[in-house]
Amino acid sequence: MEKLLLSENVKRFIDYAIDTVKAMDGAPEHSEQQKAVVTDRISKLKLYLNEVEVAYLENAPERSSLTIDPEYIAETGHS
């Protein structure tokens, strides 16, 4: 499977989410088949959202384990 950029993952998720919302239109009158289609779309949306999260985490800077002593900041005159 091709690895998508973060922005491509987000776009795919949003486009699919919009189509899923459209598929939900008229939900009170949906047949069992229509319910199954929407349920499948929601499951796929969950997968897409997970891929967005993974892509984000791969692109976000890692948290530094370095901590700055507040007393050092006070001593140097920065706050």
C-alpha atoms as a PDB file:
ATOM      1  CA  MET A   1       0.000   0.000   0.000  1.00  0.00           C
ATOM      2  CA  GLU A   2       1.261   3.456  -0.924  1.00  0.00           C
ATOM      3  CA  LYS A   3       2.261   5.678   1.979  1.00  0.00           C
ATOM      4  CA  LEU A   4       0.387   8.979   1.842  1.00  0.00           C
ATOM      5  CA  LEU A   5       1.527  12.352   3.105  1.00  0.00           C
ATOM      6  CA  LEU A   6      -0.223  13.785   6.155  1.00  0.00           C
ATOM      7  CA  SER A   7      -2.203  16.240   4.031  1.00  0.00           C
ATOM      8  CA  GLU A   8      -3.231  13.462   1.627  1.00  0.00           C
ATOM      9  CA  ASN A   9      -4.416  11.321   4.533  1.00  0.00           C
ATOM     10  CA  VAL A  10      -6.460  14.198   5.920  1.00  0.00           C
ATOM     11  CA  LYS A  11      -7.980  14.995   2.530  1.00  0.00           C
ATOM     12  CA  ARG A  12      -8.925  11.363   1.955  1.00  0.00           C
ATOM     13  CA  PHE A  13     -10.523  11.185   5.409  1.00  0.00           C
ATOM     14  CA  ILE A  14     -12.498  14.412   4.946  1.00  0.00           C
ATOM     15  CA  ASP A  15     -13.682  13.531   1.436  1.00  0.00           C
ATOM     16  CA  TYR A  16     -14.782  10.084   2.577  1.00  0.00           C
ATOM     17  CA  ALA A  17     -16.447  11.559   5.682  1.00  0.00           C
ATOM     18  CA  ILE A  18     -18.460  13.975   3.534  1.00  0.00           C
ATOM     19  CA  ASP A  19     -19.582  11.134   1.279  1.00  0.00           C
ATOM     20  CA  THR A  20     -20.486   9.101   4.363  1.00  0.00           C
ATOM     21  CA  VAL A  21     -22.590  11.941   5.767  1.00  0.00           C
ATOM     22  CA  LYS A  22     -24.381  12.160   2.418  1.00  0.00           C
ATOM     23  CA  ALA A  23     -25.022   8.399   2.573  1.00  0.00           C
ATOM     24  CA  MET A  24     -26.630   8.930   6.002  1.00  0.00           C
ATOM     25  CA  ASP A  25     -29.223  11.269   4.510  1.00  0.00           C
ATOM     26  CA  GLY A  26     -32.686   9.877   5.114  1.00  0.00           C
ATOM     27  CA  ALA A  27     -31.487   7.543   7.868  1.00  0.00           C
ATOM     28  CA  PRO A  28     -34.941   6.989   9.427  1.00  0.00           C
ATOM     29  CA  GLU A  29     -36.124   5.405   6.167  1.00  0.00           C
ATOM     30  CA  HIS A  30     -32.990   3.365   5.414  1.00  0.00           C
ATOM     31  CA  SER A  31     -33.307  -0.275   4.439  1.00  0.00           C
ATOM     32  CA  GLU A  32     -31.093  -2.916   6.013  1.00  0.00           C
ATOM     33  CA  GLN A  33     -28.841  -2.751   2.957  1.00  0.00           C
ATOM     34  CA  GLN A  34     -28.449   1.026   3.297  1.00  0.00           C
ATOM     35  CA  LYS A  35     -27.681   0.617   7.014  1.00  0.00           C
ATOM     36  CA  ALA A  36     -25.007  -1.946   6.162  1.00  0.00           C
ATOM     37  CA  VAL A  37     -23.432   0.414   3.614  1.00  0.00           C
ATOM     38  CA  VAL A  38     -23.307   3.285   6.112  1.00  0.00           C
ATOM     39  CA  THR A  39     -21.949   1.027   8.856  1.00  0.00           C
ATOM     40  CA  ASP A  40     -19.204  -0.193   6.507  1.00  0.00           C
ATOM     41  CA  ARG A  41     -18.366   3.388   5.580  1.00  0.00           C
ATOM     42  CA  ILE A  42     -18.090   4.332   9.261  1.00  0.00           C
ATOM     43  CA  SER A  43     -15.729   1.407   9.853  1.00  0.00           C
ATOM     44  CA  LYS A  44     -13.570   2.557   6.953  1.00  0.00           C
ATOM     45  CA  LEU A  45     -13.619   6.105   8.333  1.00  0.00           C
ATOM     46  CA  LYS A  46     -12.183   4.762  11.593  1.00  0.00           C
ATOM     47  CA  LEU A  47      -9.335   3.176   9.645  1.00  0.00           C
ATOM     48  CA  TYR A  48      -8.713   6.388   7.725  1.00  0.00           C
ATOM     49  CA  LEU A  49      -8.700   8.396  10.962  1.00  0.00           C
ATOM     50  CA  ASN A  50      -6.147   6.002  12.438  1.00  0.00           C
ATOM     51  CA  GLU A  51      -3.970   6.538   9.355  1.00  0.00           C
ATOM     52  CA  VAL A  52      -4.292  10.311   9.840  1.00  0.00           C
ATOM     53  CA  GLU A  53      -3.123   9.909  13.436  1.00  0.00           C
ATOM     54  CA  VAL A  54      -0.138   7.769  12.422  1.00  0.00           C
ATOM     55  CA  ALA A  55       0.839  10.220   9.679  1.00  0.00           C
ATOM     56  CA  TYR A  56       0.553  13.112  12.131  1.00  0.00           C
ATOM     57  CA  LEU A  57       2.693  11.415  14.749  1.00  0.00           C
ATOM     58  CA  GLU A  58       5.318  10.603  12.130  1.00  0.00           C
ATOM     59  CA  ASN A  59       5.495  14.288  11.179  1.00  0.00           C
ATOM     60  CA  ALA A  60       5.171  15.966  14.572  1.00  0.00           C
ATOM     61  CA  PRO A  61       8.356  16.804  16.439  1.00  0.00           C
ATOM     62  CA  GLU A  62       9.182  14.466  19.254  1.00  0.00           C
ATOM     63  CA  ARG A  63       8.863  15.804  22.743  1.00  0.00           C
ATOM     64  CA  SER A  64      12.170  16.631  24.222  1.00  0.00           C
ATOM     65  CA  SER A  65      12.949  14.931  27.486  1.00  0.00           C
ATOM     66  CA  LEU A  66      15.052  17.943  28.436  1.00  0.00           C
ATOM     67  CA  THR A  67      13.473  20.050  31.106  1.00  0.00           C
ATOM     68  CA  ILE A  68      14.555  23.550  31.921  1.00  0.00           C
ATOM     69  CA  ASP A  69      14.935  24.453  35.552  1.00  0.00           C
ATOM     70  CA  PRO A  70      12.624  27.409  36.355  1.00  0.00           C
ATOM     71  CA  GLU A  71      15.270  28.753  38.754  1.00  0.00           C
ATOM     72  CA  TYR A  72      17.748  28.932  35.860  1.00  0.00           C
ATOM     73  CA  ILE A  73      15.247  30.993  33.871  1.00  0.00           C
ATOM     74  CA  ALA A  74      14.730  33.320  36.854  1.00  0.00           C
ATOM     75  CA  GLU A  75      18.493  33.708  37.317  1.00  0.00           C
ATOM     76  CA  THR A  76      19.049  34.659  33.679  1.00  0.00           C
ATOM     77  CA  GLY A  77      16.247  37.206  33.748  1.00  0.00           C
ATOM     78  CA  HIS A  78      13.877  35.415  31.351  1.00  0.00           C
ATOM     79  CA  SER A  79      10.339  34.530  32.238  1.00  0.00           C
END
